[in-house]
Amino acid sequence: MLLHEYKKEKGTDNDPLGQLIIAMITAQEINQNQFPIYGAYVMGRNWFFLTVKDRKYCISDEYVATREDIFDIFKILKKLKNIIMKHFLEAKNPN
């Protein structure tokens, strides 16, 4: 499962990290902790990636979409798609 949160870069008092972690932990509980939960939040051009597993989480350093980081963002999203599809197929066919 991949969740995301977006906030504009300037003029926001919201906490996208806090909102995303709450959503990720909720999703983890609903799924009975079977799989890690992946997430991303974007503040303007800055992207951050998160993983929640067993009530522990980690956050990437920022990736800036207006620099060469855009290629890393694309690679991460593509890899996450493959990871999520693998978990989906395992859940669908547990044998």
PDB file of N, CA and C in Angstrom:
ATOM      1  N   MET A   1       0.847  -1.165   0.000  1.00  0.00           N
ATOM      2  CA  MET A   1       0.000   0.000   0.000  1.00  0.00           C
ATOM      3  C   MET A   1       0.893   1.227   0.000  1.00  0.00           C
ATOM      4  N   LEU A   2       0.517   2.199  -0.803  1.00  0.00           N
ATOM      5  CA  LEU A   2       1.254   3.457  -0.872  1.00  0.00           C
ATOM      6  C   LEU A   2       0.281   4.589  -0.608  1.00  0.00           C
ATOM      7  N   LEU A   3       0.597   5.426   0.354  1.00  0.00           N
ATOM      8  CA  LEU A   3      -0.202   6.599   0.671  1.00  0.00           C
ATOM      9  C   LEU A   3       0.628   7.834   0.376  1.00  0.00           C
ATOM     10  N   HIS A   4      -0.028   8.948   0.095  1.00  0.00           N
ATOM     11  CA  HIS A   4       0.716  10.177  -0.153  1.00  0.00           C
ATOM     12  C   HIS A   4      -0.014  11.372   0.436  1.00  0.00           C
ATOM     13  N   GLU A   5       0.736  12.426   0.619  1.00  0.00           N
ATOM     14  CA  GLU A   5       0.216  13.686   1.136  1.00  0.00           C
ATOM     15  C   GLU A   5       0.937  14.787   0.384  1.00  0.00           C
ATOM     16  N   TYR A   6       0.201  15.801  -0.057  1.00  0.00           N
ATOM     17  CA  TYR A   6       0.792  16.916  -0.783  1.00  0.00           C
ATOM     18  C   TYR A   6       0.423  18.228  -0.112  1.00  0.00           C
ATOM     19  N   LYS A   7       1.389  19.103   0.024  1.00  0.00           N
ATOM     20  CA  LYS A   7       1.146  20.460   0.523  1.00  0.00           C
ATOM     21  C   LYS A   7       1.954  21.426  -0.332  1.00  0.00           C
ATOM     22  N   LYS A   8       1.386  22.603  -0.556  1.00  0.00           N
ATOM     23  CA  LYS A   8       2.160  23.600  -1.295  1.00  0.00           C
ATOM     24  C   LYS A   8       3.354  24.021  -0.454  1.00  0.00           C
ATOM     25  N   GLU A   9       4.373  24.493  -1.120  1.00  0.00           N
ATOM     26  CA  GLU A   9       5.638  24.772  -0.437  1.00  0.00           C
ATOM     27  C   GLU A   9       5.553  25.976   0.492  1.00  0.00           C
ATOM     28  N   LYS A  10       4.864  27.027   0.084  1.00  0.00           N
ATOM     29  CA  LYS A  10       4.819  28.253   0.884  1.00  0.00           C
ATOM     30  C   LYS A  10       3.423  28.502   1.414  1.00  0.00           C
ATOM     31  N   GLY A  11       3.365  29.139   2.558  1.00  0.00           N
ATOM     32  CA  GLY A  11       2.092  29.583   3.106  1.00  0.00           C
ATOM     33  C   GLY A  11       1.241  28.486   3.712  1.00  0.00           C
ATOM     34  N   THR A  12       1.852  27.405   4.151  1.00  0.00           N
ATOM     35  CA  THR A  12       1.065  26.329   4.747  1.00  0.00           C
ATOM     36  C   THR A  12       1.498  26.104   6.193  1.00  0.00           C
ATOM     37  N   ASP A  13       0.541  25.928   7.044  1.00  0.00           N
ATOM     38  CA  ASP A  13       0.824  25.620   8.442  1.00  0.00           C
ATOM     39  C   ASP A  13       0.529  24.163   8.757  1.00  0.00           C
ATOM     40  N   ASN A  14       0.134  23.401   7.754  1.00  0.00           N
ATOM     41  CA  ASN A  14      -0.212  21.997   7.964  1.00  0.00           C
ATOM     42  C   ASN A  14       1.047  21.158   8.135  1.00  0.00           C
ATOM     43  N   ASP A  15       0.881  19.983   8.695  1.00  0.00           N
ATOM     44  CA  ASP A  15       1.991  19.070   8.942  1.00  0.00           C
ATOM     45  C   ASP A  15       1.798  17.821   8.082  1.00  0.00           C
ATOM     46  N   PRO A  16       2.325  17.803   6.845  1.00  0.00           N
ATOM     47  CA  PRO A  16       2.095  16.645   5.982  1.00  0.00           C
ATOM     48  C   PRO A  16       2.722  15.371   6.537  1.00  0.00           C
ATOM     49  N   LEU A  17       3.860  15.472   7.203  1.00  0.00           N
ATOM     50  CA  LEU A  17       4.505  14.290   7.761  1.00  0.00           C
ATOM     51  C   LEU A  17       3.613  13.657   8.824  1.00  0.00           C
ATOM     52  N   GLY A  18       3.123  14.456   9.753  1.00  0.00           N
ATOM     53  CA  GLY A  18       2.253  13.943  10.807  1.00  0.00           C
ATOM     54  C   GLY A  18       0.978  13.337  10.246  1.00  0.00           C
ATOM     55  N   GLN A  19       0.359  14.019   9.284  1.00  0.00           N
ATOM     56  CA  GLN A  19      -0.869  13.515   8.675  1.00  0.00           C
ATOM     57  C   GLN A  19      -0.620  12.198   7.951  1.00  0.00           C
ATOM     58  N   LEU A  20       0.507  12.111   7.253  1.00  0.00           N
ATOM     59  CA  LEU A  20       0.827  10.887   6.517  1.00  0.00           C
ATOM     60  C   LEU A  20       1.118   9.731   7.465  1.00  0.00           C
ATOM     61  N   ILE A  21       1.876   9.971   8.516  1.00  0.00           N
ATOM     62  CA  ILE A  21       2.192   8.895   9.466  1.00  0.00           C
ATOM     63  C   ILE A  21       0.921   8.375  10.132  1.00  0.00           C
ATOM     64  N   ILE A  22       0.010   9.267  10.486  1.00  0.00           N
ATOM     65  CA  ILE A  22      -1.260   8.827  11.074  1.00  0.00           C
ATOM     66  C   ILE A  22      -2.015   7.934  10.096  1.00  0.00           C
ATOM     67  N   ALA A  23      -2.084   8.341   8.841  1.00  0.00           N
ATOM     68  CA  ALA A  23      -2.774   7.534   7.819  1.00  0.00           C
ATOM     69  C   ALA A  23      -2.075   6.193   7.611  1.00  0.00           C
ATOM     70  N   MET A  24      -0.740   6.197   7.629  1.00  0.00           N
ATOM     71  CA  MET A  24       0.017   4.967   7.408  1.00  0.00           C
ATOM     72  C   MET A  24      -0.169   3.987   8.567  1.00  0.00           C
ATOM     73  N   ILE A  25      -0.132   4.480   9.803  1.00  0.00           N
ATOM     74  CA  ILE A  25      -0.321   3.604  10.965  1.00  0.00           C
ATOM     75  C   ILE A  25      -1.750   3.064  10.986  1.00  0.00           C
ATOM     76  N   THR A  26      -2.712   3.894  10.608  1.00  0.00           N
ATOM     77  CA  THR A  26      -4.103   3.430  10.512  1.00  0.00           C
ATOM     78  C   THR A  26      -4.216   2.318   9.473  1.00  0.00           C
ATOM     79  N   ALA A  27      -3.609   2.511   8.310  1.00  0.00           N
ATOM     80  CA  ALA A  27      -3.637   1.488   7.257  1.00  0.00           C
ATOM     81  C   ALA A  27      -2.958   0.205   7.730  1.00  0.00           C
ATOM     82  N   GLN A  28      -1.883   0.352   8.481  1.00  0.00           N
ATOM     83  CA  GLN A  28      -1.179  -0.817   9.012  1.00  0.00           C
ATOM     84  C   GLN A  28      -2.082  -1.601   9.952  1.00  0.00           C
ATOM     85  N   GLU A  29      -2.819  -0.904  10.813  1.00  0.00           N
ATOM     86  CA  GLU A  29      -3.738  -1.569  11.738  1.00  0.00           C
ATOM     87  C   GLU A  29      -4.865  -2.268  10.990  1.00  0.00           C
ATOM     88  N   ILE A  30      -5.419  -1.593   9.990  1.00  0.00           N
ATOM     89  CA  ILE A  30      -6.502  -2.192   9.202  1.00  0.00           C
ATOM     90  C   ILE A  30      -6.023  -3.459   8.508  1.00  0.00           C
ATOM     91  N   ASN A  31      -4.767  -3.448   8.043  1.00  0.00           N
ATOM     92  CA  ASN A  31      -4.191  -4.608   7.359  1.00  0.00           C
ATOM     93  C   ASN A  31      -3.555  -5.600   8.325  1.00  0.00           C
ATOM     94  N   GLN A  32      -3.755  -5.404   9.612  1.00  0.00           N
ATOM     95  CA  GLN A  32      -3.251  -6.299  10.652  1.00  0.00           C
ATOM     96  C   GLN A  32      -1.746  -6.531  10.556  1.00  0.00           C
ATOM     97  N   ASN A  33      -1.006  -5.481  10.224  1.00  0.00           N
ATOM     98  CA  ASN A  33       0.463  -5.496  10.196  1.00  0.00           C
ATOM     99  C   ASN A  33       1.059  -6.570   9.290  1.00  0.00           C
ATOM    100  N   GLN A  34       0.349  -6.971   8.250  1.00  0.00           N
ATOM    101  CA  GLN A  34       0.867  -8.016   7.377  1.00  0.00           C
ATOM    102  C   GLN A  34       2.024  -7.543   6.501  1.00  0.00           C
ATOM    103  N   PHE A  35       1.939  -6.326   6.038  1.00  0.00           N
ATOM    104  CA  PHE A  35       2.933  -5.813   5.097  1.00  0.00           C
ATOM    105  C   PHE A  35       3.394  -4.427   5.533  1.00  0.00           C
ATOM    106  N   PRO A  36       4.584  -4.033   5.109  1.00  0.00           N
ATOM    107  CA  PRO A  36       4.999  -2.647   5.357  1.00  0.00           C
ATOM    108  C   PRO A  36       4.077  -1.700   4.594  1.00  0.00           C
ATOM    109  N   ILE A  37       3.964  -0.488   5.080  1.00  0.00           N
ATOM    110  CA  ILE A  37       3.193   0.544   4.405  1.00  0.00           C
ATOM    111  C   ILE A  37       4.192   1.573   3.880  1.00  0.00           C
ATOM    112  N   TYR A  38       4.030   1.936   2.635  1.00  0.00           N
ATOM    113  CA  TYR A  38       4.932   2.889   2.001  1.00  0.00           C
ATOM    114  C   TYR A  38       4.186   4.196   1.812  1.00  0.00           C
ATOM    115  N   GLY A  39       4.915   5.292   1.876  1.00  0.00           N
ATOM    116  CA  GLY A  39       4.282   6.588   1.709  1.00  0.00           C
ATOM    117  C   GLY A  39       5.247   7.601   1.129  1.00  0.00           C
ATOM    118  N   ALA A  40       4.675   8.681   0.674  1.00  0.00           N
ATOM    119  CA  ALA A  40       5.465   9.801   0.161  1.00  0.00           C
ATOM    120  C   ALA A  40       4.715  11.073   0.493  1.00  0.00           C
ATOM    121  N   TYR A  41       5.471  12.096   0.821  1.00  0.00           N
ATOM    122  CA  TYR A  41       4.826  13.391   0.917  1.00  0.00           C
ATOM    123  C   TYR A  41       5.648  14.394   0.144  1.00  0.00           C
ATOM    124  N   VAL A  42       4.929  15.335  -0.430  1.00  0.00           N
ATOM    125  CA  VAL A  42       5.526  16.328  -1.312  1.00  0.00           C
ATOM    126  C   VAL A  42       5.180  17.694  -0.762  1.00  0.00           C
ATOM    127  N   MET A  43       6.195  18.511  -0.596  1.00  0.00           N
ATOM    128  CA  MET A  43       5.993  19.909  -0.221  1.00  0.00           C
ATOM    129  C   MET A  43       6.614  20.742  -1.330  1.00  0.00           C
ATOM    130  N   GLY A  44       5.760  21.239  -2.211  1.00  0.00           N
ATOM    131  CA  GLY A  44       6.261  21.981  -3.369  1.00  0.00           C
ATOM    132  C   GLY A  44       7.078  21.070  -4.242  1.00  0.00           C
ATOM    133  N   ARG A  45       8.352  21.342  -4.390  1.00  0.00           N
ATOM    134  CA  ARG A  45       9.231  20.527  -5.240  1.00  0.00           C
ATOM    135  C   ARG A  45       9.996  19.463  -4.455  1.00  0.00           C
ATOM    136  N   ASN A  46       9.847  19.431  -3.137  1.00  0.00           N
ATOM    137  CA  ASN A  46      10.589  18.498  -2.282  1.00  0.00           C
ATOM    138  C   ASN A  46       9.773  17.239  -2.008  1.00  0.00           C
ATOM    139  N   TRP A  47      10.354  16.105  -2.318  1.00  0.00           N
ATOM    140  CA  TRP A  47       9.726  14.798  -2.118  1.00  0.00           C
ATOM    141  C   TRP A  47      10.427  14.063  -0.985  1.00  0.00           C
ATOM    142  N   PHE A  48       9.634  13.374  -0.143  1.00  0.00           N
ATOM    143  CA  PHE A  48      10.154  12.545   0.936  1.00  0.00           C
ATOM    144  C   PHE A  48       9.440  11.200   0.871  1.00  0.00           C
ATOM    145  N   PHE A  49      10.161  10.121   1.103  1.00  0.00           N
ATOM    146  CA  PHE A  49       9.577   8.781   1.069  1.00  0.00           C
ATOM    147  C   PHE A  49       9.666   8.165   2.454  1.00  0.00           C
ATOM    148  N   LEU A  50       8.606   7.421   2.839  1.00  0.00           N
ATOM    149  CA  LEU A  50       8.523   6.816   4.165  1.00  0.00           C
ATOM    150  C   LEU A  50       8.163   5.349   4.057  1.00  0.00           C
ATOM    151  N   THR A  51       8.568   4.612   5.085  1.00  0.00           N
ATOM    152  CA  THR A  51       8.146   3.230   5.259  1.00  0.00           C
ATOM    153  C   THR A  51       7.753   3.052   6.715  1.00  0.00           C
ATOM    154  N   VAL A  52       6.610   2.397   6.947  1.00  0.00           N
ATOM    155  CA  VAL A  52       6.167   2.064   8.304  1.00  0.00           C
ATOM    156  C   VAL A  52       6.057   0.556   8.392  1.00  0.00           C
ATOM    157  N   LYS A  53       6.696  -0.001   9.393  1.00  0.00           N
ATOM    158  CA  LYS A  53       6.594  -1.437   9.647  1.00  0.00           C
ATOM    159  C   LYS A  53       6.719  -1.656  11.147  1.00  0.00           C
ATOM    160  N   ASP A  54       5.798  -2.418  11.704  1.00  0.00           N
ATOM    161  CA  ASP A  54       5.817  -2.746  13.131  1.00  0.00           C
ATOM    162  C   ASP A  54       5.939  -1.510  14.015  1.00  0.00           C
ATOM    163  N   ARG A  55       5.156  -0.491  13.713  1.00  0.00           N
ATOM    164  CA  ARG A  55       5.121   0.753  14.503  1.00  0.00           C
ATOM    165  C   ARG A  55       6.430   1.543  14.484  1.00  0.00           C
ATOM    166  N   LYS A  56       7.312   1.213  13.576  1.00  0.00           N
ATOM    167  CA  LYS A  56       8.545   1.982  13.394  1.00  0.00           C
ATOM    168  C   LYS A  56       8.502   2.561  11.989  1.00  0.00           C
ATOM    169  N   TYR A  57       9.077   3.736  11.838  1.00  0.00           N
ATOM    170  CA  TYR A  57       9.080   4.339  10.511  1.00  0.00           C
ATOM    171  C   TYR A  57      10.437   4.952  10.195  1.00  0.00           C
ATOM    172  N   CYS A  58      10.689   5.089   8.907  1.00  0.00           N
ATOM    173  CA  CYS A  58      11.892   5.779   8.464  1.00  0.00           C
ATOM    174  C   CYS A  58      11.518   6.731   7.341  1.00  0.00           C
ATOM    175  N   ILE A  59      12.253   7.813   7.232  1.00  0.00           N
ATOM    176  CA  ILE A  59      11.982   8.866   6.257  1.00  0.00           C
ATOM    177  C   ILE A  59      13.261   9.112   5.458  1.00  0.00           C
ATOM    178  N   SER A  60      13.111   9.230   4.165  1.00  0.00           N
ATOM    179  CA  SER A  60      14.260   9.515   3.310  1.00  0.00           C
ATOM    180  C   SER A  60      14.695  10.970   3.469  1.00  0.00           C
ATOM    181  N   ASP A  61      15.887  11.258   2.997  1.00  0.00           N
ATOM    182  CA  ASP A  61      16.272  12.649   2.809  1.00  0.00           C
ATOM    183  C   ASP A  61      15.408  13.217   1.690  1.00  0.00           C
ATOM    184  N   GLU A  62      15.413  14.520   1.514  1.00  0.00           N
ATOM    185  CA  GLU A  62      14.573  15.115   0.482  1.00  0.00           C
ATOM    186  C   GLU A  62      15.149  14.885  -0.908  1.00  0.00           C
ATOM    187  N   TYR A  63      14.235  14.752  -1.847  1.00  0.00           N
ATOM    188  CA  TYR A  63      14.571  14.703  -3.266  1.00  0.00           C
ATOM    189  C   TYR A  63      13.916  15.932  -3.889  1.00  0.00           C
ATOM    190  N   VAL A  64      14.692  16.714  -4.628  1.00  0.00           N
ATOM    191  CA  VAL A  64      14.193  17.963  -5.195  1.00  0.00           C
ATOM    192  C   VAL A  64      13.874  17.738  -6.667  1.00  0.00           C
ATOM    193  N   ALA A  65      12.600  17.873  -7.012  1.00  0.00           N
ATOM    194  CA  ALA A  65      12.119  17.531  -8.350  1.00  0.00           C
ATOM    195  C   ALA A  65      12.623  18.465  -9.439  1.00  0.00           C
ATOM    196  N   THR A  66      13.163  19.611  -9.082  1.00  0.00           N
ATOM    197  CA  THR A  66      13.662  20.545 -10.094  1.00  0.00           C
ATOM    198  C   THR A  66      15.150  20.351 -10.375  1.00  0.00           C
ATOM    199  N   ARG A  67      15.740  19.326  -9.777  1.00  0.00           N
ATOM    200  CA  ARG A  67      17.154  19.006 -10.015  1.00  0.00           C
ATOM    201  C   ARG A  67      17.241  17.611 -10.614  1.00  0.00           C
ATOM    202  N   GLU A  68      18.431  17.099 -10.677  1.00  0.00           N
ATOM    203  CA  GLU A  68      18.647  15.742 -11.195  1.00  0.00           C
ATOM    204  C   GLU A  68      17.955  14.688 -10.338  1.00  0.00           C
ATOM    205  N   ASP A  69      17.528  15.083  -9.140  1.00  0.00           N
ATOM    206  CA  ASP A  69      16.806  14.162  -8.251  1.00  0.00           C
ATOM    207  C   ASP A  69      15.540  13.606  -8.907  1.00  0.00           C
ATOM    208  N   ILE A  70      15.012  14.308  -9.911  1.00  0.00           N
ATOM    209  CA  ILE A  70      13.783  13.860 -10.561  1.00  0.00           C
ATOM    210  C   ILE A  70      13.931  12.432 -11.085  1.00  0.00           C
ATOM    211  N   PHE A  71      15.141  12.075 -11.525  1.00  0.00           N
ATOM    212  CA  PHE A  71      15.379  10.724 -12.027  1.00  0.00           C
ATOM    213  C   PHE A  71      15.350   9.706 -10.887  1.00  0.00           C
ATOM    214  N   ASP A  72      15.843  10.098  -9.715  1.00  0.00           N
ATOM    215  CA  ASP A  72      15.773   9.227  -8.538  1.00  0.00           C
ATOM    216  C   ASP A  72      14.328   9.057  -8.075  1.00  0.00           C
ATOM    217  N   ILE A  73      13.554  10.138  -8.124  1.00  0.00           N
ATOM    218  CA  ILE A  73      12.134  10.058  -7.753  1.00  0.00           C
ATOM    219  C   ILE A  73      11.428   9.046  -8.651  1.00  0.00           C
ATOM    220  N   PHE A  74      11.697   9.137  -9.942  1.00  0.00           N
ATOM    221  CA  PHE A  74      11.079   8.209 -10.895  1.00  0.00           C
ATOM    222  C   PHE A  74      11.488   6.765 -10.589  1.00  0.00           C
ATOM    223  N   LYS A  75      12.771   6.535 -10.318  1.00  0.00           N
ATOM    224  CA  LYS A  75      13.248   5.177 -10.001  1.00  0.00           C
ATOM    225  C   LYS A  75      12.592   4.638  -8.730  1.00  0.00           C
ATOM    226  N   ILE A  76      12.474   5.486  -7.712  1.00  0.00           N
ATOM    227  CA  ILE A  76      11.863   5.068  -6.450  1.00  0.00           C
ATOM    228  C   ILE A  76      10.398   4.696  -6.666  1.00  0.00           C
ATOM    229  N   LEU A  77       9.668   5.527  -7.390  1.00  0.00           N
ATOM    230  CA  LEU A  77       8.250   5.243  -7.646  1.00  0.00           C
ATOM    231  C   LEU A  77       8.077   3.960  -8.456  1.00  0.00           C
ATOM    232  N   LYS A  78       8.965   3.745  -9.412  1.00  0.00           N
ATOM    233  CA  LYS A  78       8.895   2.522 -10.215  1.00  0.00           C
ATOM    234  C   LYS A  78       9.192   1.292  -9.351  1.00  0.00           C
ATOM    235  N   LYS A  79      10.196   1.389  -8.486  1.00  0.00           N
ATOM    236  CA  LYS A  79      10.534   0.288  -7.588  1.00  0.00           C
ATOM    237  C   LYS A  79       9.397   0.024  -6.599  1.00  0.00           C
ATOM    238  N   LEU A  80       8.795   1.094  -6.061  1.00  0.00           N
ATOM    239  CA  LEU A  80       7.664   0.930  -5.148  1.00  0.00           C
ATOM    240  C   LEU A  80       6.501   0.221  -5.826  1.00  0.00           C
ATOM    241  N   LYS A  81       6.258   0.538  -7.087  1.00  0.00           N
ATOM    242  CA  LYS A  81       5.194  -0.142  -7.830  1.00  0.00           C
ATOM    243  C   LYS A  81       5.472  -1.639  -7.868  1.00  0.00           C
ATOM    244  N   ASN A  82       6.700  -2.029  -8.149  1.00  0.00           N
ATOM    245  CA  ASN A  82       7.059  -3.449  -8.200  1.00  0.00           C
ATOM    246  C   ASN A  82       6.914  -4.115  -6.832  1.00  0.00           C
ATOM    247  N   ILE A  83       7.337  -3.442  -5.782  1.00  0.00           N
ATOM    248  CA  ILE A  83       7.222  -3.989  -4.428  1.00  0.00           C
ATOM    249  C   ILE A  83       5.755  -4.189  -4.061  1.00  0.00           C
ATOM    250  N   ILE A  84       4.924  -3.192  -4.338  1.00  0.00           N
ATOM    251  CA  ILE A  84       3.510  -3.267  -3.999  1.00  0.00           C
ATOM    252  C   ILE A  84       2.827  -4.368  -4.808  1.00  0.00           C
ATOM    253  N   MET A  85       3.150  -4.487  -6.090  1.00  0.00           N
ATOM    254  CA  MET A  85       2.560  -5.553  -6.911  1.00  0.00           C
ATOM    255  C   MET A  85       2.956  -6.927  -6.375  1.00  0.00           C
ATOM    256  N   LYS A  86       4.196  -7.072  -5.931  1.00  0.00           N
ATOM    257  CA  LYS A  86       4.648  -8.348  -5.365  1.00  0.00           C
ATOM    258  C   LYS A  86       3.845  -8.691  -4.114  1.00  0.00           C
ATOM    259  N   HIS A  87       3.671  -7.715  -3.208  1.00  0.00           N
ATOM    260  CA  HIS A  87       2.883  -7.943  -1.992  1.00  0.00           C
ATOM    261  C   HIS A  87       1.433  -8.259  -2.343  1.00  0.00           C
ATOM    262  N   PHE A  88       0.880  -7.562  -3.328  1.00  0.00           N
ATOM    263  CA  PHE A  88      -0.496  -7.804  -3.746  1.00  0.00           C
ATOM    264  C   PHE A  88      -0.668  -9.231  -4.253  1.00  0.00           C
ATOM    265  N   LEU A  89       0.265  -9.665  -5.095  1.00  0.00           N
ATOM    266  CA  LEU A  89       0.168 -11.029  -5.642  1.00  0.00           C
ATOM    267  C   LEU A  89       0.351 -12.080  -4.544  1.00  0.00           C
ATOM    268  N   GLU A  90       1.231 -11.835  -3.590  1.00  0.00           N
ATOM    269  CA  GLU A  90       1.422 -12.759  -2.471  1.00  0.00           C
ATOM    270  C   GLU A  90       0.161 -12.843  -1.619  1.00  0.00           C
ATOM    271  N   ALA A  91      -0.499 -11.723  -1.398  1.00  0.00           N
ATOM    272  CA  ALA A  91      -1.725 -11.718  -0.591  1.00  0.00           C
ATOM    273  C   ALA A  91      -2.866 -12.411  -1.334  1.00  0.00           C
ATOM    274  N   LYS A  92      -2.884 -12.239  -2.638  1.00  0.00           N
ATOM    275  CA  LYS A  92      -3.943 -12.834  -3.448  1.00  0.00           C
ATOM    276  C   LYS A  92      -3.769 -14.342  -3.593  1.00  0.00           C
ATOM    277  N   ASN A  93      -2.526 -14.790  -3.704  1.00  0.00           N
ATOM    278  CA  ASN A  93      -2.197 -16.209  -3.868  1.00  0.00           C
ATOM    279  C   ASN A  93      -1.217 -16.638  -2.786  1.00  0.00           C
ATOM    280  N   PRO A  94      -1.670 -16.896  -1.563  1.00  0.00           N
ATOM    281  CA  PRO A  94      -0.764 -17.173  -0.452  1.00  0.00           C
ATOM    282  C   PRO A  94       0.013 -18.478  -0.575  1.00  0.00           C
ATOM    283  N   ASN A  95      -0.287 -19.329  -1.548  1.00  0.00           N
ATOM    284  CA  ASN A  95       0.424 -20.617  -1.662  1.00  0.00           C
ATOM    285  C   ASN A  95       1.790 -20.441  -2.157  1.00  0.00           C
TER     286      ASN A  95
END
